[in-house]
Amino acid sequence: MAKRARTTRMRRVDTALRQVLAEVIARELSDPRLGFVTITHVESTQDVREAKVFFTTLRTRERRGSQEALDSARGLLQSRLAAELRSRHTPQLTFHYDTTQQDAVELTRFIDEVTGGIGPEDG
């Protein structure tokens, strides 16, 4: 099934959600399990009833604790979203570790192995 293109409105909603969440996490969460977290992006449903929040951590070992801290703070984060955005619905948040950077590093290593480290500038 093809993924639907994000509308301009949905991109704005996702950006607003990401900004509010990042600010609340930085200023209000003091859970010792929470590492240095960056909210990389948010994908909300068309009706904004659900939102997947993607995050990374500075250190890989902070991943599990940060996931637990974010899951634990879900209610607080949702209430802050409701207060800040004043939208019809407050999305149910789910938190997902963003593996994009790790995937890129692994892909680059694989390409280097296959090509023997020969890049376009070497050709």
N, C-alpha and C. Protein backbone atom coordinates (compact mmCIF):
# COMPACT_ATOMS: atom_id res chain seq x y z
N MET A 1 0.84 -1.17 0.00
CA MET A 1 0.00 0.00 0.00
C MET A 1 0.90 1.24 0.00
N ALA A 2 0.61 2.17 -0.90
CA ALA A 2 1.42 3.38 -1.01
C ALA A 2 1.14 4.32 0.15
N LYS A 3 2.18 4.97 0.59
CA LYS A 3 2.04 5.92 1.68
C LYS A 3 1.51 7.23 1.12
N ARG A 4 0.49 7.79 1.79
CA ARG A 4 -0.09 9.05 1.34
C ARG A 4 0.88 10.20 1.56
N ALA A 5 0.89 11.11 0.59
CA ALA A 5 1.72 12.29 0.73
C ALA A 5 1.18 13.17 1.86
N ARG A 6 2.06 13.74 2.63
CA ARG A 6 1.65 14.63 3.72
C ARG A 6 1.20 15.95 3.14
N THR A 7 0.06 16.42 3.56
CA THR A 7 -0.42 17.72 3.12
C THR A 7 0.33 18.82 3.87
N THR A 8 0.25 20.01 3.36
CA THR A 8 0.90 21.14 4.02
C THR A 8 0.35 21.30 5.43
N ARG A 9 -0.96 21.14 5.58
CA ARG A 9 -1.59 21.26 6.91
C ARG A 9 -1.03 20.22 7.86
N MET A 10 -0.91 18.98 7.41
CA MET A 10 -0.41 17.91 8.28
C MET A 10 1.06 18.15 8.65
N ARG A 11 1.83 18.66 7.71
CA ARG A 11 3.24 18.96 8.03
C ARG A 11 3.31 20.05 9.09
N ARG A 12 2.44 21.05 9.00
CA ARG A 12 2.41 22.12 10.01
C ARG A 12 2.01 21.56 11.37
N VAL A 13 0.99 20.69 11.38
CA VAL A 13 0.55 20.07 12.64
C VAL A 13 1.69 19.26 13.24
N ASP A 14 2.33 18.44 12.43
CA ASP A 14 3.44 17.60 12.91
C ASP A 14 4.58 18.46 13.46
N THR A 15 4.88 19.55 12.79
CA THR A 15 5.94 20.45 13.24
C THR A 15 5.57 21.10 14.57
N ALA A 16 4.33 21.53 14.70
CA ALA A 16 3.87 22.14 15.95
C ALA A 16 3.95 21.13 17.09
N LEU A 17 3.52 19.90 16.84
CA LEU A 17 3.60 18.86 17.86
C LEU A 17 5.04 18.62 18.27
N ARG A 18 5.93 18.53 17.30
CA ARG A 18 7.35 18.29 17.59
C ARG A 18 7.93 19.42 18.43
N GLN A 19 7.61 20.66 18.08
CA GLN A 19 8.16 21.80 18.81
C GLN A 19 7.67 21.84 20.26
N VAL A 20 6.38 21.62 20.46
CA VAL A 20 5.84 21.64 21.82
C VAL A 20 6.44 20.50 22.64
N LEU A 21 6.47 19.31 22.07
CA LEU A 21 7.03 18.16 22.79
C LEU A 21 8.49 18.39 23.16
N ALA A 22 9.28 18.88 22.22
CA ALA A 22 10.70 19.11 22.49
C ALA A 22 10.87 20.11 23.63
N GLU A 23 10.07 21.15 23.62
CA GLU A 23 10.17 22.17 24.67
C GLU A 23 9.77 21.62 26.04
N VAL A 24 8.67 20.89 26.09
CA VAL A 24 8.20 20.33 27.36
C VAL A 24 9.21 19.31 27.90
N ILE A 25 9.73 18.47 27.03
CA ILE A 25 10.72 17.47 27.46
C ILE A 25 11.95 18.16 28.03
N ALA A 26 12.42 19.19 27.36
CA ALA A 26 13.63 19.88 27.81
C ALA A 26 13.41 20.65 29.12
N ARG A 27 12.25 21.25 29.29
CA ARG A 27 12.02 22.13 30.44
C ARG A 27 11.35 21.47 31.64
N GLU A 28 10.50 20.47 31.38
CA GLU A 28 9.67 19.97 32.47
C GLU A 28 9.94 18.54 32.93
N LEU A 29 10.58 17.74 32.10
CA LEU A 29 10.81 16.36 32.50
C LEU A 29 12.14 16.25 33.24
N SER A 30 12.10 15.65 34.42
CA SER A 30 13.32 15.49 35.21
C SER A 30 13.56 14.02 35.58
N ASP A 31 13.00 13.13 34.80
CA ASP A 31 13.17 11.71 35.04
C ASP A 31 14.64 11.33 34.86
N PRO A 32 15.26 10.71 35.86
CA PRO A 32 16.68 10.36 35.75
C PRO A 32 16.97 9.35 34.62
N ARG A 33 15.95 8.63 34.17
CA ARG A 33 16.15 7.68 33.06
C ARG A 33 16.30 8.38 31.72
N LEU A 34 15.84 9.63 31.67
CA LEU A 34 15.82 10.38 30.41
C LEU A 34 17.21 10.86 30.06
N GLY A 35 17.72 10.40 28.93
CA GLY A 35 19.01 10.85 28.45
C GLY A 35 18.84 12.14 27.67
N PHE A 36 19.85 12.50 26.91
CA PHE A 36 19.77 13.68 26.06
C PHE A 36 18.97 13.28 24.84
N VAL A 37 17.68 13.67 24.84
CA VAL A 37 16.73 13.24 23.81
C VAL A 37 16.50 14.35 22.79
N THR A 38 16.47 13.97 21.53
CA THR A 38 16.08 14.88 20.46
C THR A 38 14.86 14.30 19.77
N ILE A 39 13.80 15.10 19.65
CA ILE A 39 12.62 14.67 18.90
C ILE A 39 12.93 14.96 17.44
N THR A 40 13.06 13.92 16.64
CA THR A 40 13.46 14.10 15.25
C THR A 40 12.28 14.43 14.35
N HIS A 41 11.16 13.77 14.55
CA HIS A 41 9.97 14.11 13.79
C HIS A 41 8.74 13.45 14.41
N VAL A 42 7.59 13.92 13.97
CA VAL A 42 6.30 13.42 14.45
C VAL A 42 5.45 13.12 13.23
N GLU A 43 4.73 12.00 13.28
CA GLU A 43 3.80 11.65 12.22
C GLU A 43 2.43 11.44 12.85
N SER A 44 1.53 12.37 12.61
CA SER A 44 0.18 12.25 13.17
C SER A 44 -0.76 11.72 12.10
N THR A 45 -1.85 11.13 12.57
CA THR A 45 -2.88 10.66 11.65
C THR A 45 -3.65 11.86 11.12
N GLN A 46 -4.38 11.65 10.04
CA GLN A 46 -5.14 12.72 9.40
C GLN A 46 -6.08 13.42 10.38
N ASP A 47 -6.71 12.66 11.27
CA ASP A 47 -7.65 13.25 12.22
C ASP A 47 -6.96 13.71 13.52
N VAL A 48 -5.65 13.59 13.59
CA VAL A 48 -4.81 14.01 14.71
C VAL A 48 -5.22 13.33 16.02
N ARG A 49 -5.72 12.13 15.94
CA ARG A 49 -6.07 11.38 17.15
C ARG A 49 -4.89 10.55 17.65
N GLU A 50 -3.93 10.30 16.77
CA GLU A 50 -2.75 9.53 17.14
C GLU A 50 -1.52 10.21 16.54
N ALA A 51 -0.40 10.08 17.23
CA ALA A 51 0.84 10.64 16.71
C ALA A 51 2.01 9.75 17.13
N LYS A 52 2.82 9.39 16.16
CA LYS A 52 4.06 8.67 16.42
C LYS A 52 5.15 9.72 16.60
N VAL A 53 5.84 9.64 17.73
CA VAL A 53 6.90 10.59 18.05
C VAL A 53 8.22 9.85 17.94
N PHE A 54 9.08 10.30 17.03
CA PHE A 54 10.37 9.65 16.81
C PHE A 54 11.46 10.46 17.52
N PHE A 55 12.34 9.75 18.22
CA PHE A 55 13.39 10.40 18.99
C PHE A 55 14.71 9.68 18.83
N THR A 56 15.78 10.41 19.12
CA THR A 56 17.12 9.81 19.20
C THR A 56 17.71 10.22 20.54
N THR A 57 18.77 9.55 20.91
CA THR A 57 19.51 9.90 22.12
C THR A 57 20.96 10.13 21.76
N LEU A 58 21.63 10.90 22.59
CA LEU A 58 23.04 11.20 22.33
C LEU A 58 23.87 9.93 22.40
N ARG A 59 23.58 9.09 23.38
CA ARG A 59 24.30 7.82 23.54
C ARG A 59 23.33 6.66 23.35
N THR A 60 23.76 5.65 22.67
CA THR A 60 22.92 4.49 22.41
C THR A 60 22.44 3.85 23.71
N ARG A 61 23.27 3.84 24.73
CA ARG A 61 22.89 3.18 25.99
C ARG A 61 21.76 3.92 26.70
N GLU A 62 21.46 5.17 26.31
CA GLU A 62 20.37 5.93 26.91
C GLU A 62 19.02 5.60 26.29
N ARG A 63 19.04 4.82 25.25
CA ARG A 63 17.83 4.54 24.48
C ARG A 63 16.71 3.94 25.32
N ARG A 64 16.97 2.84 26.00
CA ARG A 64 15.92 2.13 26.75
C ARG A 64 15.36 2.99 27.88
N GLY A 65 16.23 3.61 28.67
CA GLY A 65 15.77 4.46 29.76
C GLY A 65 14.96 5.64 29.26
N SER A 66 15.40 6.23 28.16
CA SER A 66 14.68 7.36 27.59
C SER A 66 13.31 6.93 27.09
N GLN A 67 13.24 5.76 26.48
CA GLN A 67 11.95 5.22 26.02
C GLN A 67 11.00 5.05 27.20
N GLU A 68 11.51 4.49 28.29
CA GLU A 68 10.69 4.28 29.48
C GLU A 68 10.24 5.61 30.08
N ALA A 69 11.14 6.59 30.13
CA ALA A 69 10.80 7.90 30.69
C ALA A 69 9.74 8.60 29.84
N LEU A 70 9.87 8.52 28.53
CA LEU A 70 8.88 9.15 27.65
C LEU A 70 7.53 8.46 27.77
N ASP A 71 7.54 7.12 27.82
CA ASP A 71 6.29 6.38 27.99
C ASP A 71 5.62 6.76 29.31
N SER A 72 6.43 6.92 30.34
CA SER A 72 5.92 7.26 31.66
C SER A 72 5.33 8.68 31.69
N ALA A 73 5.90 9.57 30.89
CA ALA A 73 5.45 10.97 30.87
C ALA A 73 4.37 11.23 29.83
N ARG A 74 3.88 10.18 29.19
CA ARG A 74 2.89 10.33 28.10
C ARG A 74 1.71 11.23 28.51
N GLY A 75 1.13 10.99 29.67
CA GLY A 75 -0.03 11.77 30.12
C GLY A 75 0.28 13.25 30.26
N LEU A 76 1.43 13.56 30.89
CA LEU A 76 1.84 14.95 31.04
C LEU A 76 2.04 15.60 29.67
N LEU A 77 2.72 14.90 28.78
CA LEU A 77 3.00 15.45 27.46
C LEU A 77 1.71 15.70 26.68
N GLN A 78 0.77 14.77 26.77
CA GLN A 78 -0.50 14.95 26.08
C GLN A 78 -1.28 16.13 26.66
N SER A 79 -1.24 16.31 27.98
CA SER A 79 -1.96 17.44 28.57
C SER A 79 -1.32 18.76 28.17
N ARG A 80 0.02 18.80 28.06
CA ARG A 80 0.68 20.03 27.61
C ARG A 80 0.35 20.33 26.16
N LEU A 81 0.25 19.28 25.34
CA LEU A 81 -0.15 19.48 23.95
C LEU A 81 -1.56 20.07 23.87
N ALA A 82 -2.46 19.53 24.67
CA ALA A 82 -3.84 20.02 24.68
C ALA A 82 -3.89 21.49 25.06
N ALA A 83 -3.10 21.88 26.05
CA ALA A 83 -3.10 23.27 26.51
C ALA A 83 -2.47 24.21 25.48
N GLU A 84 -1.40 23.77 24.85
CA GLU A 84 -0.68 24.63 23.91
C GLU A 84 -1.36 24.75 22.56
N LEU A 85 -1.89 23.65 22.05
CA LEU A 85 -2.39 23.65 20.67
C LEU A 85 -3.88 23.94 20.55
N ARG A 86 -4.62 23.72 21.60
CA ARG A 86 -6.06 23.98 21.61
C ARG A 86 -6.74 23.44 20.35
N SER A 87 -6.43 22.23 20.00
CA SER A 87 -7.05 21.61 18.83
C SER A 87 -8.25 20.77 19.27
N ARG A 88 -9.00 20.32 18.32
CA ARG A 88 -10.19 19.53 18.61
C ARG A 88 -9.85 18.24 19.34
N HIS A 89 -8.75 17.61 18.92
CA HIS A 89 -8.33 16.35 19.54
C HIS A 89 -6.90 16.47 20.04
N THR A 90 -6.64 15.80 21.13
CA THR A 90 -5.27 15.67 21.61
C THR A 90 -4.81 14.27 21.20
N PRO A 91 -3.73 14.19 20.44
CA PRO A 91 -3.32 12.88 19.95
C PRO A 91 -2.81 11.95 21.05
N GLN A 92 -3.09 10.68 20.90
CA GLN A 92 -2.49 9.65 21.74
C GLN A 92 -1.07 9.46 21.21
N LEU A 93 -0.10 9.63 22.07
CA LEU A 93 1.29 9.58 21.65
C LEU A 93 1.88 8.18 21.81
N THR A 94 2.67 7.79 20.84
CA THR A 94 3.50 6.60 20.96
C THR A 94 4.92 7.03 20.61
N PHE A 95 5.89 6.50 21.32
CA PHE A 95 7.28 6.91 21.14
C PHE A 95 8.06 5.80 20.47
N HIS A 96 8.87 6.20 19.48
CA HIS A 96 9.63 5.26 18.68
C HIS A 96 11.05 5.79 18.51
N TYR A 97 12.03 4.91 18.75
CA TYR A 97 13.41 5.30 18.55
C TYR A 97 13.66 5.43 17.05
N ASP A 98 14.23 6.54 16.64
CA ASP A 98 14.50 6.81 15.22
C ASP A 98 15.85 6.20 14.85
N THR A 99 15.81 5.22 13.99
CA THR A 99 17.04 4.52 13.60
C THR A 99 17.64 5.05 12.30
N THR A 100 17.14 6.15 11.79
CA THR A 100 17.59 6.67 10.50
C THR A 100 19.10 6.87 10.46
N GLN A 101 19.68 7.50 11.50
CA GLN A 101 21.12 7.73 11.49
C GLN A 101 21.91 6.43 11.54
N GLN A 102 21.47 5.52 12.40
CA GLN A 102 22.14 4.22 12.49
C GLN A 102 22.06 3.48 11.15
N ASP A 103 20.89 3.52 10.52
CA ASP A 103 20.70 2.86 9.23
C ASP A 103 21.63 3.45 8.17
N ALA A 104 21.79 4.77 8.18
CA ALA A 104 22.66 5.43 7.21
C ALA A 104 24.12 5.01 7.41
N VAL A 105 24.55 4.94 8.66
CA VAL A 105 25.92 4.53 8.96
C VAL A 105 26.15 3.09 8.48
N GLU A 106 25.20 2.21 8.79
CA GLU A 106 25.33 0.82 8.37
C GLU A 106 25.33 0.69 6.85
N LEU A 107 24.50 1.46 6.17
CA LEU A 107 24.45 1.43 4.72
C LEU A 107 25.77 1.91 4.12
N THR A 108 26.33 2.96 4.69
CA THR A 108 27.61 3.48 4.22
C THR A 108 28.71 2.44 4.41
N ARG A 109 28.72 1.76 5.57
CA ARG A 109 29.71 0.70 5.80
C ARG A 109 29.57 -0.42 4.77
N PHE A 110 28.33 -0.80 4.51
CA PHE A 110 28.07 -1.87 3.54
C PHE A 110 28.57 -1.46 2.15
N ILE A 111 28.26 -0.24 1.76
CA ILE A 111 28.71 0.25 0.44
C ILE A 111 30.22 0.26 0.38
N ASP A 112 30.87 0.71 1.47
CA ASP A 112 32.33 0.72 1.50
C ASP A 112 32.90 -0.69 1.37
N GLU A 113 32.25 -1.67 2.03
CA GLU A 113 32.71 -3.06 1.93
C GLU A 113 32.58 -3.58 0.51
N VAL A 114 31.45 -3.31 -0.11
CA VAL A 114 31.18 -3.82 -1.45
C VAL A 114 32.10 -3.17 -2.48
N THR A 115 32.32 -1.87 -2.34
CA THR A 115 33.13 -1.15 -3.33
C THR A 115 34.62 -1.15 -2.98
N GLY A 116 34.96 -1.68 -1.83
CA GLY A 116 36.35 -1.67 -1.40
C GLY A 116 36.83 -0.29 -1.00
N GLY A 117 35.87 0.54 -0.59
CA GLY A 117 36.23 1.88 -0.14
C GLY A 117 36.46 2.87 -1.27
N ILE A 118 36.15 2.46 -2.50
CA ILE A 118 36.36 3.37 -3.64
C ILE A 118 35.13 4.25 -3.78
N GLY A 119 35.32 5.53 -3.63
CA GLY A 119 34.23 6.50 -3.73
C GLY A 119 34.22 7.14 -5.10
N PRO A 120 33.22 7.97 -5.42
CA PRO A 120 33.12 8.61 -6.72
C PRO A 120 34.33 9.51 -7.03
N GLU A 121 34.89 10.14 -5.98
CA GLU A 121 36.04 11.01 -6.21
C GLU A 121 37.31 10.22 -6.53
N ASP A 122 37.30 8.90 -6.18
CA ASP A 122 38.48 8.06 -6.43
C ASP A 122 38.47 7.48 -7.83
N GLY A 123 37.31 7.47 -8.46
CA GLY A 123 37.10 6.79 -9.72
C GLY A 123 37.79 7.41 -10.84
